[in-house]
C-alpha atoms as a PDB file:
ATOM      1  CA  MET A   1      14.845   7.162 -37.838  1.00  0.00           C
ATOM      2  CA  CYS A   2      14.808   3.919 -36.639  1.00  0.00           C
ATOM      3  CA  GLU A   3      11.535   2.806 -38.449  1.00  0.00           C
ATOM      4  CA  LEU A   4      13.191   4.213 -41.758  1.00  0.00           C
ATOM      5  CA  GLY A   5      16.156   2.050 -41.597  1.00  0.00           C
ATOM      6  CA  ARG A   6      14.572  -0.996 -40.261  1.00  0.00           C
ATOM      7  CA  VAL A   7      16.344  -1.182 -36.980  1.00  0.00           C
ATOM      8  CA  SER A   8      14.472  -1.752 -33.537  1.00  0.00           C
ATOM      9  CA  ARG A   9      14.858   1.005 -31.156  1.00  0.00           C
ATOM     10  CA  ALA A  10      16.558  -0.630 -28.850  1.00  0.00           C
ATOM     11  CA  GLY A  11      19.140  -2.178 -30.642  1.00  0.00           C
ATOM     12  CA  TYR A  12      19.656   2.050 -31.610  1.00  0.00           C
ATOM     13  CA  TYR A  13      20.101   2.629 -28.358  1.00  0.00           C
ATOM     14  CA  ARG A  14      22.358  -0.235 -27.450  1.00  0.00           C
ATOM     15  CA  HIS A  15      24.593   0.966 -30.317  1.00  0.00           C
ATOM     16  CA  LEU A  16      23.865   4.408 -29.116  1.00  0.00           C
ATOM     17  CA  GLU A  17      25.747   3.765 -26.128  1.00  0.00           C
ATOM     18  CA  ALA A  18      27.875   1.612 -26.911  1.00  0.00           C
ATOM     19  CA  GLN A  19      29.736   4.220 -29.221  1.00  0.00           C
ATOM     20  CA  ALA A  20      28.770   7.333 -27.931  1.00  0.00           C
ATOM     21  CA  PRO A  21      28.151   6.416 -23.750  1.00  0.00           C
ATOM     22  CA  LYS A  22      27.869  10.645 -23.191  1.00  0.00           C
ATOM     23  CA  GLU A  23      25.221  11.036 -26.018  1.00  0.00           C
ATOM     24  CA  ALA A  24      23.488   7.744 -25.195  1.00  0.00           C
ATOM     25  CA  ASP A  25      22.934   8.828 -21.503  1.00  0.00           C
ATOM     26  CA  THR A  26      22.226  12.263 -22.571  1.00  0.00           C
ATOM     27  CA  GLU A  27      19.463  10.766 -24.892  1.00  0.00           C
ATOM     28  CA  ILE A  28      17.705   9.215 -22.200  1.00  0.00           C
ATOM     29  CA  ARG A  29      18.262  11.535 -19.383  1.00  0.00           C
ATOM     30  CA  GLY A  30      16.382  13.764 -22.017  1.00  0.00           C
ATOM     31  CA  GLN A  31      13.384  11.471 -22.296  1.00  0.00           C
ATOM     32  CA  VAL A  32      13.464  10.881 -18.079  1.00  0.00           C
ATOM     33  CA  GLN A  33      12.943  14.519 -17.924  1.00  0.00           C
ATOM     34  CA  LYS A  34       9.959  14.619 -20.706  1.00  0.00           C
ATOM     35  CA  VAL A  35       8.456  11.511 -18.892  1.00  0.00           C
ATOM     36  CA  VAL A  36       8.562  13.554 -15.286  1.00  0.00           C
ATOM     37  CA  LEU A  37       7.570  16.736 -16.972  1.00  0.00           C
ATOM     38  CA  LYS A  38       4.636  15.307 -18.672  1.00  0.00           C
ATOM     39  CA  HIS A  39       3.107  14.258 -15.913  1.00  0.00           C
ATOM     40  CA  ARG A  40       3.577  17.363 -13.693  1.00  0.00           C
ATOM     41  CA  ARG A  41       6.433  15.674 -11.080  1.00  0.00           C
ATOM     42  CA  ARG A  42       3.569  13.179 -10.435  1.00  0.00           C
ATOM     43  CA  TYR A  43       5.087   9.480 -11.419  1.00  0.00           C
ATOM     44  CA  GLY A  44       8.086   8.032  -9.185  1.00  0.00           C
ATOM     45  CA  VAL A  45      10.744   5.298 -10.656  1.00  0.00           C
ATOM     46  CA  ARG A  46       8.466   2.433 -11.487  1.00  0.00           C
ATOM     47  CA  ARG A  47       6.034   4.415 -13.818  1.00  0.00           C
ATOM     48  CA  VAL A  48       8.608   6.438 -15.720  1.00  0.00           C
ATOM     49  CA  THR A  49      10.825   3.281 -16.246  1.00  0.00           C
ATOM     50  CA  ARG A  50       7.337   1.676 -17.697  1.00  0.00           C
ATOM     51  CA  GLU A  51       6.373   4.642 -20.053  1.00  0.00           C
ATOM     52  CA  LEU A  52       9.571   4.637 -21.379  1.00  0.00           C
ATOM     53  CA  ARG A  53       9.561   0.877 -22.474  1.00  0.00           C
ATOM     54  CA  ASP A  54       5.913   1.275 -23.203  1.00  0.00           C
ATOM     55  CA  LEU A  55       5.686   4.062 -25.154  1.00  0.00           C
ATOM     56  CA  HIS A  56       9.271   5.009 -25.917  1.00  0.00           C
ATOM     57  CA  GLY A  57      11.245   2.051 -26.926  1.00  0.00           C
ATOM     58  CA  ILE A  58      13.619   2.663 -23.938  1.00  0.00           C
ATOM     59  CA  LEU A  59      14.789  -0.232 -21.857  1.00  0.00           C
ATOM     60  CA  VAL A  60      16.686   1.016 -19.340  1.00  0.00           C
ATOM     61  CA  ASN A  61      16.915   0.037 -15.628  1.00  0.00           C
ATOM     62  CA  HIS A  62      15.092   1.341 -12.856  1.00  0.00           C
ATOM     63  CA  LYS A  63      17.930   2.009 -10.974  1.00  0.00           C
ATOM     64  CA  ARG A  64      19.895   4.286 -13.840  1.00  0.00           C
ATOM     65  CA  VAL A  65      15.887   5.910 -14.036  1.00  0.00           C
ATOM     66  CA  ALA A  66      15.692   6.488 -10.616  1.00  0.00           C
ATOM     67  CA  ARG A  67      19.547   7.919 -10.553  1.00  0.00           C
ATOM     68  CA  ILE A  68      18.769  10.195 -13.082  1.00  0.00           C
ATOM     69  CA  MET A  69      15.846  11.298 -11.185  1.00  0.00           C
ATOM     70  CA  ARG A  70      17.523  11.943  -7.914  1.00  0.00           C
ATOM     71  CA  GLU A  71      20.781  14.289  -9.904  1.00  0.00           C
ATOM     72  CA  ASP A  72      17.665  16.583 -11.655  1.00  0.00           C
ATOM     73  CA  ASN A  73      15.888  16.561  -8.647  1.00  0.00           C
ATOM     74  CA  LEU A  74      13.030  15.493 -10.287  1.00  0.00           C
ATOM     75  CA  LEU A  75      11.258  12.477  -8.333  1.00  0.00           C
ATOM     76  CA  ALA A  76       7.883  12.604  -7.668  1.00  0.00           C
ATOM     77  CA  LEU A  77       6.434  14.979  -4.443  1.00  0.00           C
ATOM     78  CA  ARG A  78       5.486  13.334  -1.748  1.00  0.00           C
ATOM     79  CA  TYR A  79       3.586  15.268   1.833  1.00  0.00           C
ATOM     80  CA  ARG A  80       2.140  15.365   4.976  1.00  0.00           C
ATOM     81  CA  LYS A  81       0.766  12.444   7.020  1.00  0.00           C
ATOM     82  CA  PHE A  82      -3.376  10.941   5.991  1.00  0.00           C
ATOM     83  CA  VAL A  83      -5.964  12.396   8.556  1.00  0.00           C
ATOM     84  CA  PRO A  84      -9.427  11.130   8.999  1.00  0.00           C
ATOM     85  CA  THR A  85     -12.415  12.650   8.165  1.00  0.00           C
ATOM     86  CA  THR A  86     -15.336  10.215   8.548  1.00  0.00           C
ATOM     87  CA  ASP A  87     -17.081  10.877  11.761  1.00  0.00           C
ATOM     88  CA  SER A  88     -19.237   7.714  12.807  1.00  0.00           C
ATOM     89  CA  SER A  89     -20.736   8.480  16.700  1.00  0.00           C
ATOM     90  CA  HIS A  90     -24.093   8.506  14.393  1.00  0.00           C
ATOM     91  CA  ARG A  91     -27.574   6.785  15.181  1.00  0.00           C
ATOM     92  CA  HIS A  92     -28.201   5.864  11.967  1.00  0.00           C
ATOM     93  CA  ALA A  93     -28.151   1.717  10.375  1.00  0.00           C
ATOM     94  CA  VAL A  94     -24.901   0.210   9.697  1.00  0.00           C
ATOM     95  CA  TYR A  95     -24.302  -2.209   7.007  1.00  0.00           C
ATOM     96  CA  TRP A  96     -22.542  -5.719   7.113  1.00  0.00           C
ATOM     97  CA  ASN A  97     -18.569  -5.108   5.499  1.00  0.00           C
ATOM     98  CA  LEU A  98     -19.906  -7.285   2.162  1.00  0.00           C
ATOM     99  CA  ALA A  99     -16.657  -5.946   0.463  1.00  0.00           C
ATOM    100  CA  LYS A 100     -14.268  -7.870   2.141  1.00  0.00           C
ATOM    101  CA  ARG A 101     -15.713 -11.651   0.656  1.00  0.00           C
ATOM    102  CA  LEU A 102     -16.429 -10.118  -2.749  1.00  0.00           C
ATOM    103  CA  LYS A 103     -13.805 -11.508  -5.874  1.00  0.00           C
ATOM    104  CA  LEU A 104     -14.283  -9.457  -8.541  1.00  0.00           C
ATOM    105  CA  THR A 105     -14.672 -10.494 -11.569  1.00  0.00           C
ATOM    106  CA  GLY A 106     -16.078  -7.405 -14.005  1.00  0.00           C
ATOM    107  CA  ILE A 107     -16.649  -4.133 -13.802  1.00  0.00           C
ATOM    108  CA  ASN A 108     -19.934  -2.389 -11.555  1.00  0.00           C
ATOM    109  CA  GLN A 109     -18.945  -5.170  -9.346  1.00  0.00           C
ATOM    110  CA  LEU A 110     -17.807  -3.602  -6.767  1.00  0.00           C
ATOM    111  CA  TRP A 111     -18.514   0.579  -5.822  1.00  0.00           C
ATOM    112  CA  VAL A 112     -15.751   1.967  -3.346  1.00  0.00           C
ATOM    113  CA  ALA A 113     -17.062   6.025  -2.011  1.00  0.00           C
ATOM    114  CA  ASP A 114     -14.686   8.673   0.650  1.00  0.00           C
ATOM    115  CA  ILE A 115     -14.613  11.884   1.680  1.00  0.00           C
ATOM    116  CA  THR A 116     -11.832  13.655   1.715  1.00  0.00           C
ATOM    117  CA  TYR A 117     -10.384  17.696   3.205  1.00  0.00           C
ATOM    118  CA  ILE A 118      -8.774  19.702   1.182  1.00  0.00           C
ATOM    119  CA  ARG A 119      -7.276  23.003   1.992  1.00  0.00           C
ATOM    120  CA  LEU A 120      -7.563  26.300   0.385  1.00  0.00           C
ATOM    121  CA  ARG A 121      -5.880  29.674   1.459  1.00  0.00           C
ATOM    122  CA  GLU A 122      -8.848  30.749   4.376  1.00  0.00           C
ATOM    123  CA  GLU A 123     -11.180  28.067   4.185  1.00  0.00           C
ATOM    124  CA  PHE A 124     -11.746  24.149   4.556  1.00  0.00           C
ATOM    125  CA  VAL A 125     -13.606  22.383   1.596  1.00  0.00           C
ATOM    126  CA  PHE A 126     -14.402  18.514   1.229  1.00  0.00           C
ATOM    127  CA  LEU A 127     -14.512  16.234  -1.521  1.00  0.00           C
ATOM    128  CA  ALA A 128     -16.518  13.103  -2.232  1.00  0.00           C
ATOM    129  CA  VAL A 129     -15.781  10.474  -5.134  1.00  0.00           C
ATOM    130  CA  VAL A 130     -17.012   7.103  -6.012  1.00  0.00           C
ATOM    131  CA  MET A 131     -14.615   4.756  -7.742  1.00  0.00           C
ATOM    132  CA  ASP A 132     -15.470   1.381  -9.680  1.00  0.00           C
ATOM    133  CA  ALA A 133     -13.079  -0.882  -7.201  1.00  0.00           C
ATOM    134  CA  TYR A 134     -12.462  -3.543 -10.524  1.00  0.00           C
ATOM    135  CA  SER A 135     -11.079  -1.091 -12.572  1.00  0.00           C
ATOM    136  CA  ARG A 136      -9.982   2.004 -10.354  1.00  0.00           C
ATOM    137  CA  LYS A 137     -12.079   4.505 -12.409  1.00  0.00           C
ATOM    138  CA  ILE A 138     -13.660   7.138 -10.865  1.00  0.00           C
ATOM    139  CA  ILE A 139     -16.976   7.254 -11.875  1.00  0.00           C
ATOM    140  CA  GLY A 140     -18.556  10.045  -9.679  1.00  0.00           C
ATOM    141  CA  TRP A 141     -17.115  13.204  -7.558  1.00  0.00           C
ATOM    142  CA  ALA A 142     -18.251  16.369  -5.772  1.00  0.00           C
ATOM    143  CA  LEU A 143     -16.296  18.811  -4.172  1.00  0.00           C
ATOM    144  CA  GLU A 144     -18.415  21.291  -1.610  1.00  0.00           C
ATOM    145  CA  ARG A 145     -17.949  23.915   0.706  1.00  0.00           C
ATOM    146  CA  SER A 146     -19.980  21.609   3.894  1.00  0.00           C
ATOM    147  CA  MET A 147     -19.130  17.573   4.093  1.00  0.00           C
ATOM    148  CA  GLN A 148     -23.040  17.496   3.985  1.00  0.00           C
ATOM    149  CA  THR A 149     -25.191  14.873   3.039  1.00  0.00           C
ATOM    150  CA  ARG A 150     -25.360  16.733  -0.895  1.00  0.00           C
ATOM    151  CA  LEU A 151     -21.562  16.373  -1.092  1.00  0.00           C
ATOM    152  CA  THR A 152     -21.720  12.573  -1.114  1.00  0.00           C
ATOM    153  CA  VAL A 153     -25.509  12.362  -3.008  1.00  0.00           C
ATOM    154  CA  THR A 154     -24.104  14.131  -5.986  1.00  0.00           C
ATOM    155  CA  ALA A 155     -21.641  12.392  -6.510  1.00  0.00           C
ATOM    156  CA  LEU A 156     -23.052   9.377  -6.542  1.00  0.00           C
ATOM    157  CA  ARG A 157     -25.753  10.595  -8.634  1.00  0.00           C
ATOM    158  CA  MET A 158     -23.154  10.727 -11.192  1.00  0.00           C
ATOM    159  CA  ALA A 159     -21.942   7.499 -10.516  1.00  0.00           C
ATOM    160  CA  ILE A 160     -25.309   5.888 -11.020  1.00  0.00           C
ATOM    161  CA  GLU A 161     -25.684   8.212 -13.853  1.00  0.00           C
ATOM    162  CA  ARG A 162     -22.383   7.087 -16.150  1.00  0.00           C
ATOM    163  CA  ARG A 163     -22.955   3.406 -15.172  1.00  0.00           C
ATOM    164  CA  ARG A 164     -26.479   2.603 -14.851  1.00  0.00           C
ATOM    165  CA  PRO A 165     -25.592   0.024 -12.442  1.00  0.00           C
ATOM    166  CA  PRO A 166     -27.000  -3.738 -12.319  1.00  0.00           C
ATOM    167  CA  VAL A 167     -28.812  -5.232  -9.801  1.00  0.00           C
ATOM    168  CA  GLY A 168     -27.134  -6.095  -6.710  1.00  0.00           C
ATOM    169  CA  ALA A 169     -24.275  -4.210  -7.141  1.00  0.00           C
ATOM    170  CA  VAL A 170     -22.117  -3.941  -3.998  1.00  0.00           C
ATOM    171  CA  HIS A 171     -21.426   0.045  -2.550  1.00  0.00           C
ATOM    172  CA  HIS A 172     -18.625   0.202  -0.149  1.00  0.00           C
ATOM    173  CA  SER A 173     -18.131   3.292   2.428  1.00  0.00           C
ATOM    174  CA  ALA A 174     -17.062   3.997   6.144  1.00  0.00           C
ATOM    175  CA  GLN A 175     -19.814   4.658   8.166  1.00  0.00           C
ATOM    176  CA  GLY A 176     -19.900   8.095   8.449  1.00  0.00           C
ATOM    177  CA  SER A 177     -23.482   9.994   8.791  1.00  0.00           C
ATOM    178  CA  GLN A 178     -22.843  11.057   4.937  1.00  0.00           C
ATOM    179  CA  TYR A 179     -23.218   7.339   3.985  1.00  0.00           C
ATOM    180  CA  ALA A 180     -25.399   5.902   6.544  1.00  0.00           C
ATOM    181  CA  CYS A 181     -27.693   8.659   6.031  1.00  0.00           C
ATOM    182  CA  PRO A 182     -31.700   8.031   5.436  1.00  0.00           C
ATOM    183  CA  GLU A 183     -31.553  10.154   2.176  1.00  0.00           C
ATOM    184  CA  TYR A 184     -28.388   8.343   1.033  1.00  0.00           C
ATOM    185  CA  VAL A 185     -29.616   4.459   1.838  1.00  0.00           C
ATOM    186  CA  SER A 186     -32.809   5.214   0.251  1.00  0.00           C
ATOM    187  CA  LEU A 187     -30.853   6.416  -3.232  1.00  0.00           C
ATOM    188  CA  LEU A 188     -28.821   2.791  -2.654  1.00  0.00           C
ATOM    189  CA  LEU A 189     -32.058   0.961  -2.350  1.00  0.00           C
ATOM    190  CA  GLU A 190     -34.068   2.946  -5.102  1.00  0.00           C
ATOM    191  CA  HIS A 191     -30.548   1.948  -7.683  1.00  0.00           C
ATOM    192  CA  HIS A 192     -31.094  -1.486  -6.372  1.00  0.00           C
ATOM    193  CA  LEU A 193     -27.520  -1.789  -4.985  1.00  0.00           C
ATOM    194  CA  ILE A 194     -26.548  -2.734  -2.349  1.00  0.00           C
ATOM    195  CA  PRO A 195     -24.744  -0.948   0.794  1.00  0.00           C
ATOM    196  CA  SER A 196     -21.281  -2.115   2.481  1.00  0.00           C
ATOM    197  CA  MET A 197     -19.245  -0.781   5.294  1.00  0.00           C
ATOM    198  CA  SER A 198     -16.068  -0.265   7.356  1.00  0.00           C
ATOM    199  CA  ARG A 199     -14.975  -1.415  10.316  1.00  0.00           C
ATOM    200  CA  ALA A 200     -15.830   1.714  12.470  1.00  0.00           C
ATOM    201  CA  GLY A 201     -11.895   3.422  12.442  1.00  0.00           C
ATOM    202  CA  CYS A 202     -10.655   1.636   9.612  1.00  0.00           C
ATOM    203  CA  PRO A 203      -9.659   2.317   6.724  1.00  0.00           C
ATOM    204  CA  TYR A 204      -7.676  -0.433   5.023  1.00  0.00           C
ATOM    205  CA  ASP A 205     -11.024  -1.770   4.851  1.00  0.00           C
ATOM    206  CA  ASN A 206     -11.541   0.484   2.541  1.00  0.00           C
ATOM    207  CA  ALA A 207      -7.848   0.288   1.108  1.00  0.00           C
ATOM    208  CA  ALA A 208      -8.456   0.943  -2.842  1.00  0.00           C
ATOM    209  CA  CYS A 209     -10.550   4.377  -2.187  1.00  0.00           C
ATOM    210  CA  GLU A 210      -7.313   5.504   0.454  1.00  0.00           C
ATOM    211  CA  SER A 211      -4.742   4.498  -1.771  1.00  0.00           C
ATOM    212  CA  PHE A 212      -6.377   6.968  -4.343  1.00  0.00           C
ATOM    213  CA  MET A 213      -7.076   9.783  -2.251  1.00  0.00           C
ATOM    214  CA  LYS A 214      -3.635   9.887  -1.183  1.00  0.00           C
ATOM    215  CA  THR A 215      -2.675   9.809  -4.452  1.00  0.00           C
ATOM    216  CA  LEU A 216      -4.637  12.690  -5.218  1.00  0.00           C
ATOM    217  CA  LYS A 217      -3.376  14.870  -2.615  1.00  0.00           C
ATOM    218  CA  GLN A 218       0.173  14.027  -3.674  1.00  0.00           C
ATOM    219  CA  GLU A 219       0.278  13.882  -7.511  1.00  0.00           C
ATOM    220  CA  GLU A 220      -2.218  17.240  -7.465  1.00  0.00           C
ATOM    221  CA  ILE A 221      -3.223  18.616  -4.306  1.00  0.00           C
ATOM    222  CA  TYR A 222      -0.223  19.599  -2.736  1.00  0.00           C
ATOM    223  CA  ALA A 223       1.711  20.021  -5.962  1.00  0.00           C
ATOM    224  CA  ASN A 224      -0.350  23.049  -6.633  1.00  0.00           C
ATOM    225  CA  GLU A 225      -1.948  26.270  -4.582  1.00  0.00           C
ATOM    226  CA  TYR A 226      -5.548  27.243  -6.138  1.00  0.00           C
ATOM    227  CA  LEU A 227      -6.924  30.863  -5.614  1.00  0.00           C
ATOM    228  CA  ASN A 228     -10.684  29.696  -4.560  1.00  0.00           C
ATOM    229  CA  LEU A 229     -12.773  26.991  -4.738  1.00  0.00           C
ATOM    230  CA  GLU A 230     -13.254  26.963  -8.921  1.00  0.00           C
ATOM    231  CA  HIS A 231      -9.535  27.266  -9.554  1.00  0.00           C
ATOM    232  CA  LEU A 232      -9.682  24.146  -7.484  1.00  0.00           C
ATOM    233  CA  ARG A 233     -12.645  22.508  -9.651  1.00  0.00           C
ATOM    234  CA  ASN A 234     -11.188  22.923 -12.680  1.00  0.00           C
ATOM    235  CA  HIS A 235      -7.557  21.533 -11.735  1.00  0.00           C
ATOM    236  CA  VAL A 236      -9.623  18.534  -9.428  1.00  0.00           C
ATOM    237  CA  ARG A 237     -11.679  17.816 -12.585  1.00  0.00           C
ATOM    238  CA  GLU A 238      -8.752  17.711 -14.746  1.00  0.00           C
ATOM    239  CA  PHE A 239      -6.727  15.484 -12.521  1.00  0.00           C
ATOM    240  CA  LEU A 240      -9.426  13.187 -12.151  1.00  0.00           C
ATOM    241  CA  GLU A 241     -11.453  13.401 -15.771  1.00  0.00           C
ATOM    242  CA  GLU A 242      -8.013  13.990 -18.342  1.00  0.00           C
ATOM    243  CA  TYR A 243      -4.444  12.524 -16.061  1.00  0.00           C
ATOM    244  CA  TYR A 244      -6.159  10.061 -13.520  1.00  0.00           C
ATOM    245  CA  ASN A 245      -9.078   8.116 -15.629  1.00  0.00           C
ATOM    246  CA  ARG A 246      -7.247   8.236 -18.917  1.00  0.00           C
ATOM    247  CA  ALA A 247      -3.411   8.258 -18.928  1.00  0.00           C
ATOM    248  CA  ARG A 248      -2.019   7.741 -15.622  1.00  0.00           C
ATOM    249  CA  LEU A 249      -0.592   3.998 -15.983  1.00  0.00           C
ATOM    250  CA  HIS A 250      -1.420   2.603 -12.304  1.00  0.00           C
ATOM    251  CA  SER A 251       0.659  -0.773 -11.107  1.00  0.00           C
ATOM    252  CA  ALA A 252      -2.629  -2.917  -9.671  1.00  0.00           C
ATOM    253  CA  LEU A 253      -3.885  -2.751 -13.607  1.00  0.00           C
ATOM    254  CA  ASP A 254      -0.594  -4.049 -14.873  1.00  0.00           C
ATOM    255  CA  TYR A 255       0.478   0.051 -15.376  1.00  0.00           C
ATOM    256  CA  ARG A 256      -2.625   0.391 -18.096  1.00  0.00           C
ATOM    257  CA  SER A 257      -4.925   3.285 -16.931  1.00  0.00           C
ATOM    258  CA  PRO A 258      -8.489   2.897 -16.005  1.00  0.00           C
ATOM    259  CA  GLU A 259      -9.825   3.948 -19.195  1.00  0.00           C
ATOM    260  CA  ALA A 260      -7.220   1.519 -20.759  1.00  0.00           C
ATOM    261  CA  PHE A 261      -7.944  -1.329 -19.166  1.00  0.00           C
ATOM    262  CA  GLU A 262     -11.799  -1.169 -18.818  1.00  0.00           C
ATOM    263  CA  ALA A 263     -11.114  -0.710 -22.865  1.00  0.00           C
ATOM    264  CA  GLY A 264      -9.316  -4.335 -23.023  1.00  0.00           C
ATOM    265  CA  LEU A 265     -12.306  -5.693 -21.592  1.00  0.00           C
ATOM    266  CA  THR A 266     -13.419  -9.497 -22.884  1.00  0.00           C
ATOM    267  CA  ASP A 267     -17.489  -9.140 -23.227  1.00  0.00           C
ATOM    268  CA  GLY A 268     -17.710 -11.240 -20.664  1.00  0.00           C
ATOM    269  CA  ASP A 269     -16.152  -9.451 -18.636  1.00  0.00           C
ATOM    270  CA  ARG A 270     -18.752  -6.404 -19.303  1.00  0.00           C
ATOM    271  CA  ARG A 271     -21.320  -8.587 -19.452  1.00  0.00           C
ATOM    272  CA  GLU A 272     -23.886  -7.554 -16.333  1.00  0.00           C
ATOM    273  CA  GLN A 273     -22.528 -10.855 -14.143  1.00  0.00           C
ATOM    274  CA  ALA A 274     -22.192 -10.432 -10.661  1.00  0.00           C
ATOM    275  CA  ALA A 275     -18.964 -11.086  -8.177  1.00  0.00           C
ATOM    276  CA  ILE A 276     -18.382 -14.098  -6.424  1.00  0.00           C
ATOM    277  CA  PHE A 277     -18.463 -14.411  -2.321  1.00  0.00           C
ATOM    278  CA  GLU A 278     -15.592 -16.281  -0.632  1.00  0.00           C
ATOM    279  CA  PHE A 279     -16.070 -17.384   2.918  1.00  0.00           C
ATOM    280  CA  SER A 280     -12.446 -18.266   3.950  1.00  0.00           C
ATOM    281  CA  GLU A 281     -13.798 -18.335   7.699  1.00  0.00           C
ATOM    282  CA  ALA A 282     -16.293 -20.625   6.760  1.00  0.00           C
ATOM    283  CA  SER A 283     -14.626 -22.839   9.642  1.00  0.00           C
ATOM    284  CA  GLU A 284     -15.458 -20.370  12.643  1.00  0.00           C
ATOM    285  CA  ILE A 285     -18.781 -19.809  11.627  1.00  0.00           C
ATOM    286  CA  TYR A 286     -20.508 -23.334  10.767  1.00  0.00           C
ATOM    287  CA  ARG A 287     -18.648 -25.757  13.578  1.00  0.00           C
ATOM    288  CA  SER A 288     -20.367 -29.296  13.685  1.00  0.00           C
ATOM    289  CA  ASP A 289     -22.129 -30.791  17.476  1.00  0.00           C
ATOM    290  CA  LYS A 290     -20.574 -34.245  17.105  1.00  0.00           C
ATOM    291  CA  GLY A 291     -18.491 -34.317  20.529  1.00  0.00           C
ATOM    292  CA  VAL A 292     -20.542 -31.737  21.978  1.00  0.00           C
ATOM    293  CA  LYS A 293     -22.677 -32.966  24.817  1.00  0.00           C
ATOM    294  CA  SER A 294     -26.973 -32.217  25.709  1.00  0.00           C
ATOM    295  CA  ASP A 295     -28.990 -32.261  28.285  1.00  0.00           C
ATOM    296  CA  GLU A 296     -31.827 -33.951  25.600  1.00  0.00           C
END
């Protein structure tokens, strides 16, 4: 109707609110409910407000959206605290943390990987993911009953098959034995990926992947009950491949999905270029010998 009448949606809602405030509030409330239910209560106030503006042309204050969601019991589901799963007590080689030195300029420069556990009715299962740190896209994942090397290797093989990484791309993970074992490191080196690892017991060094795991738990795992491993696998596949990568708005990507963000990259961003290394602590690494007494 707005297109036929050659008026903007924003103008229509301003007129509606001025002429019939109750009807306007009802209209906006209905749109908020549609967005929240479309995303299965995964979206918070910011993302709902952004989708109303970008996809529906509704200019509404986020405080109003918060009020409507609170009154209609539509606030996003949030549960539980972080539980570490990484065991770095092993004898394998540990690699330097290169990720914190990188300034990313495109995709396939830094991959980040992590593992989390998921509790079913009668067992615990484990999920390993590999993410492109530039676009936040999940490019590899695996779900198994055991947290053995096969779990992480399967996720890495999927990522390699999908992305064909360029020489010199950095792969960052925790220091767990699943990532430090010879089989995993050999696969990295075979495909010219450079290993990088977080400091022991410091999840902040892998913040992007930790943030994704929090999103996965809060928006999918804690919001559903699963009958068995295959039931969970189907839900995880749908969440990762159909929802998170393709539909979910990401605040770090200017409220675009990872696939939409990658689709908007220029040819220069997509070329196999290298990331920029930054040495902000160079003054601590290099010290002049001026003024230092010598025995010679």
